[in-house]
C-alpha atoms as a PDB file:
ATOM      1  CA  MET A   1      73.302  62.974 -26.804  1.00  0.00           C
ATOM      2  CA  THR A   2      75.333  60.045 -25.909  1.00  0.00           C
ATOM      3  CA  ALA A   3      75.459  56.542 -27.929  1.00  0.00           C
ATOM      4  CA  THR A   4      74.847  54.606 -24.717  1.00  0.00           C
ATOM      5  CA  LYS A   5      71.983  56.763 -23.776  1.00  0.00           C
ATOM      6  CA  ASP A   6      69.705  56.316 -26.869  1.00  0.00           C
ATOM      7  CA  ARG A   7      71.284  53.677 -28.730  1.00  0.00           C
ATOM      8  CA  PRO A   8      74.687  51.798 -28.744  1.00  0.00           C
ATOM      9  CA  LEU A   9      77.171  52.356 -30.795  1.00  0.00           C
ATOM     10  CA  ARG A  10      76.877  50.205 -34.092  1.00  0.00           C
ATOM     11  CA  ILE A  11      80.015  48.828 -35.696  1.00  0.00           C
ATOM     12  CA  ILE A  12      81.106  46.549 -38.500  1.00  0.00           C
ATOM     13  CA  VAL A  13      83.640  44.308 -38.191  1.00  0.00           C
ATOM     14  CA  ALA A  14      84.655  43.278 -41.659  1.00  0.00           C
ATOM     15  CA  LYS A  15      87.037  40.572 -43.028  1.00  0.00           C
ATOM     16  CA  PRO A  16      88.209  41.952 -46.619  1.00  0.00           C
ATOM     17  CA  GLY A  17      90.283  40.138 -49.609  1.00  0.00           C
ATOM     18  CA  LEU A  18      90.798  36.770 -49.839  1.00  0.00           C
ATOM     19  CA  ASP A  19      92.148  35.409 -46.758  1.00  0.00           C
ATOM     20  CA  GLY A  20      90.023  32.569 -45.295  1.00  0.00           C
ATOM     21  CA  HIS A  21      90.876  32.972 -41.518  1.00  0.00           C
ATOM     22  CA  ASP A  22      88.597  35.008 -39.364  1.00  0.00           C
ATOM     23  CA  ARG A  23      88.684  33.577 -35.989  1.00  0.00           C
ATOM     24  CA  GLY A  24      90.372  36.769 -34.700  1.00  0.00           C
ATOM     25  CA  ALA A  25      87.617  39.055 -36.467  1.00  0.00           C
ATOM     26  CA  LYS A  26      84.767  36.641 -34.523  1.00  0.00           C
ATOM     27  CA  ILE A  27      86.892  37.309 -31.481  1.00  0.00           C
ATOM     28  CA  ILE A  28      86.793  40.836 -31.464  1.00  0.00           C
ATOM     29  CA  ALA A  29      83.278  40.834 -32.734  1.00  0.00           C
ATOM     30  CA  ARG A  30      81.847  39.171 -29.760  1.00  0.00           C
ATOM     31  CA  ALA A  31      83.968  40.976 -27.283  1.00  0.00           C
ATOM     32  CA  LEU A  32      82.463  44.173 -28.570  1.00  0.00           C
ATOM     33  CA  ARG A  33      78.909  42.721 -28.519  1.00  0.00           C
ATOM     34  CA  ASP A  34      80.082  41.531 -24.963  1.00  0.00           C
ATOM     35  CA  ALA A  35      81.053  45.234 -23.783  1.00  0.00           C
ATOM     36  CA  GLY A  36      77.654  46.947 -25.359  1.00  0.00           C
ATOM     37  CA  PHE A  37      78.279  47.556 -28.725  1.00  0.00           C
ATOM     38  CA  GLU A  38      75.830  46.729 -31.660  1.00  0.00           C
ATOM     39  CA  VAL A  39      77.827  44.825 -34.111  1.00  0.00           C
ATOM     40  CA  ILE A  40      77.307  43.320 -37.293  1.00  0.00           C
ATOM     41  CA  TYR A  41      80.089  40.936 -38.830  1.00  0.00           C
ATOM     42  CA  THR A  42      80.195  40.927 -42.725  1.00  0.00           C
ATOM     43  CA  GLY A  43      81.539  37.232 -42.939  1.00  0.00           C
ATOM     44  CA  LEU A  44      84.505  36.114 -45.212  1.00  0.00           C
ATOM     45  CA  HIS A  45      85.645  37.718 -48.516  1.00  0.00           C
ATOM     46  CA  GLN A  46      83.898  41.194 -48.318  1.00  0.00           C
ATOM     47  CA  THR A  47      85.355  43.592 -51.103  1.00  0.00           C
ATOM     48  CA  PRO A  48      85.844  47.018 -50.009  1.00  0.00           C
ATOM     49  CA  GLU A  49      82.698  48.046 -51.658  1.00  0.00           C
ATOM     50  CA  MET A  50      80.736  45.387 -49.806  1.00  0.00           C
ATOM     51  CA  ILE A  51      81.819  46.697 -46.556  1.00  0.00           C
ATOM     52  CA  VAL A  52      81.142  50.442 -47.394  1.00  0.00           C
ATOM     53  CA  ALA A  53      77.733  49.359 -48.764  1.00  0.00           C
ATOM     54  CA  ALA A  54      76.996  47.855 -45.572  1.00  0.00           C
ATOM     55  CA  ALA A  55      78.465  50.469 -43.441  1.00  0.00           C
ATOM     56  CA  ILE A  56      75.847  52.942 -45.329  1.00  0.00           C
ATOM     57  CA  GLN A  57      73.411  50.625 -45.044  1.00  0.00           C
ATOM     58  CA  GLU A  58      73.395  49.781 -41.628  1.00  0.00           C
ATOM     59  CA  ASP A  59      74.390  53.451 -40.584  1.00  0.00           C
ATOM     60  CA  VAL A  60      77.006  52.309 -38.817  1.00  0.00           C
ATOM     61  CA  ASP A  61      79.491  54.538 -36.707  1.00  0.00           C
ATOM     62  CA  ALA A  62      82.564  52.622 -37.291  1.00  0.00           C
ATOM     63  CA  VAL A  63      84.130  50.266 -39.377  1.00  0.00           C
ATOM     64  CA  GLY A  64      87.127  47.527 -37.923  1.00  0.00           C
ATOM     65  CA  LEU A  65      88.865  45.665 -40.622  1.00  0.00           C
ATOM     66  CA  SER A  66      90.693  42.420 -39.968  1.00  0.00           C
ATOM     67  CA  VAL A  67      93.548  42.081 -42.515  1.00  0.00           C
ATOM     68  CA  LEU A  68      95.982  39.274 -42.450  1.00  0.00           C
ATOM     69  CA  SER A  69      96.893  38.989 -46.141  1.00  0.00           C
ATOM     70  CA  GLY A  70      99.392  41.861 -46.514  1.00  0.00           C
ATOM     71  CA  ALA A  71      96.566  43.820 -48.565  1.00  0.00           C
ATOM     72  CA  HIS A  72      96.422  46.315 -45.731  1.00  0.00           C
ATOM     73  CA  MET A  73      97.861  49.224 -47.746  1.00  0.00           C
ATOM     74  CA  THR A  74      95.231  48.975 -50.730  1.00  0.00           C
ATOM     75  CA  ILE A  75      92.272  47.955 -48.437  1.00  0.00           C
ATOM     76  CA  PHE A  76      92.154  50.142 -45.816  1.00  0.00           C
ATOM     77  CA  PRO A  77      92.500  53.472 -48.142  1.00  0.00           C
ATOM     78  CA  ALA A  78      90.015  51.878 -50.543  1.00  0.00           C
ATOM     79  CA  VAL A  79      87.426  51.656 -47.710  1.00  0.00           C
ATOM     80  CA  ILE A  80      88.270  54.885 -46.138  1.00  0.00           C
ATOM     81  CA  ASP A  81      88.136  56.691 -50.210  1.00  0.00           C
ATOM     82  CA  LEU A  82      84.393  54.912 -50.658  1.00  0.00           C
ATOM     83  CA  LEU A  83      83.193  56.320 -47.536  1.00  0.00           C
ATOM     84  CA  LYS A  84      84.519  59.660 -48.486  1.00  0.00           C
ATOM     85  CA  GLU A  85      82.528  59.375 -52.098  1.00  0.00           C
ATOM     86  CA  LYS A  86      79.644  58.330 -50.194  1.00  0.00           C
ATOM     87  CA  GLY A  87      79.214  61.330 -47.419  1.00  0.00           C
ATOM     88  CA  ALA A  88      80.323  59.144 -44.537  1.00  0.00           C
ATOM     89  CA  THR A  89      83.552  60.960 -43.693  1.00  0.00           C
ATOM     90  CA  ASP A  90      82.509  60.547 -39.795  1.00  0.00           C
ATOM     91  CA  VAL A  91      82.522  56.670 -40.086  1.00  0.00           C
ATOM     92  CA  ALA A  92      85.755  56.112 -38.065  1.00  0.00           C
ATOM     93  CA  VAL A  93      87.982  53.407 -39.703  1.00  0.00           C
ATOM     94  CA  PHE A  94      90.033  51.461 -37.762  1.00  0.00           C
ATOM     95  CA  GLY A  95      91.539  47.763 -37.663  1.00  0.00           C
ATOM     96  CA  GLY A  96      94.324  45.286 -37.202  1.00  0.00           C
ATOM     97  CA  GLY A  97      95.652  42.061 -38.077  1.00  0.00           C
ATOM     98  CA  ILE A  98      99.211  41.058 -39.292  1.00  0.00           C
ATOM     99  CA  ILE A  99     100.588  44.516 -40.141  1.00  0.00           C
ATOM    100  CA  PRO A 100     103.719  45.457 -39.976  1.00  0.00           C
ATOM    101  CA  GLN A 101     104.797  48.315 -37.013  1.00  0.00           C
ATOM    102  CA  ASP A 102     106.186  50.406 -39.969  1.00  0.00           C
ATOM    103  CA  ASP A 103     102.771  50.618 -41.843  1.00  0.00           C
ATOM    104  CA  VAL A 104     101.151  52.175 -38.800  1.00  0.00           C
ATOM    105  CA  PRO A 105     102.096  55.579 -39.634  1.00  0.00           C
ATOM    106  CA  LYS A 106     101.134  54.986 -43.615  1.00  0.00           C
ATOM    107  CA  LEU A 107      97.794  54.108 -42.583  1.00  0.00           C
ATOM    108  CA  THR A 108      96.853  56.506 -40.023  1.00  0.00           C
ATOM    109  CA  SER A 109      98.261  59.528 -42.626  1.00  0.00           C
ATOM    110  CA  LYS A 110      95.674  58.232 -44.961  1.00  0.00           C
ATOM    111  CA  GLY A 111      92.870  57.879 -42.483  1.00  0.00           C
ATOM    112  CA  VAL A 112      92.742  55.357 -40.274  1.00  0.00           C
ATOM    113  CA  ALA A 113      91.800  56.208 -36.954  1.00  0.00           C
ATOM    114  CA  ALA A 114      93.800  53.435 -35.005  1.00  0.00           C
ATOM    115  CA  VAL A 115      95.498  50.060 -35.750  1.00  0.00           C
ATOM    116  CA  PHE A 116      96.043  47.160 -33.334  1.00  0.00           C
ATOM    117  CA  LEU A 117      98.591  44.692 -33.463  1.00  0.00           C
ATOM    118  CA  PRO A 118      99.149  40.901 -32.861  1.00  0.00           C
ATOM    119  CA  GLY A 119      98.843  41.113 -28.815  1.00  0.00           C
ATOM    120  CA  SER A 120      96.703  43.760 -28.562  1.00  0.00           C
ATOM    121  CA  SER A 121      93.842  42.781 -26.010  1.00  0.00           C
ATOM    122  CA  THR A 122      90.048  43.326 -26.571  1.00  0.00           C
ATOM    123  CA  GLN A 123      89.799  45.528 -23.639  1.00  0.00           C
ATOM    124  CA  THR A 124      92.236  47.912 -25.306  1.00  0.00           C
ATOM    125  CA  ILE A 125      90.321  47.996 -28.319  1.00  0.00           C
ATOM    126  CA  ILE A 126      87.306  48.239 -25.994  1.00  0.00           C
ATOM    127  CA  GLU A 127      88.517  51.054 -24.234  1.00  0.00           C
ATOM    128  CA  TRP A 128      89.454  52.870 -27.485  1.00  0.00           C
ATOM    129  CA  ILE A 129      86.658  52.754 -29.163  1.00  0.00           C
ATOM    130  CA  ARG A 130      84.887  54.158 -25.812  1.00  0.00           C
ATOM    131  CA  ALA A 131      87.289  57.090 -25.932  1.00  0.00           C
ATOM    132  CA  ASN A 132      87.326  57.880 -29.803  1.00  0.00           C
ATOM    133  CA  VAL A 133      84.359  56.385 -31.722  1.00  0.00           C
ATOM    134  CA  HIS A 134      80.920  58.700 -31.198  1.00  0.00           C
ATOM    135  CA  PRO A 135      77.764  58.548 -32.931  1.00  0.00           C
ATOM    136  CA  ARG A 136      76.965  59.588 -36.465  1.00  0.00           C
ATOM    137  CA  ALA A 137      75.465  62.733 -36.666  1.00  0.00           C
ATOM    138  CA  ALA A 138      72.233  62.369 -38.158  1.00  0.00           C
ATOM    139  CA  ALA A 139      71.504  61.993 -41.570  1.00  0.00           C
END
């Protein structure tokens, strides 16, 4: 059973924290939608709890986070930990924003599936999702 045959992959694009710049998140959300994914954009100023609640409610396959505020080392692990608490360990967490290259291995060691740095193309992100995100098992 593949997502493309039965349903498109469902992905939340979330903008956590106090940062008010969401142009990049909106570009990613639209690119993913145009590539055939079902996308839920949460809007600005989301807490990790709000993001995870939406992910569970929407039964998503992945959560994409856009962090420009420098809080990535707190926000990404918080989302992953909350997903684990809710039994949603099969939801892939990926993201990007203004994240120093040196922090990428730290984030991946905490369970972040992929980090896309400034300059990453939407096509690179789409291809990564197609290769690495799988439909969640039936709950």
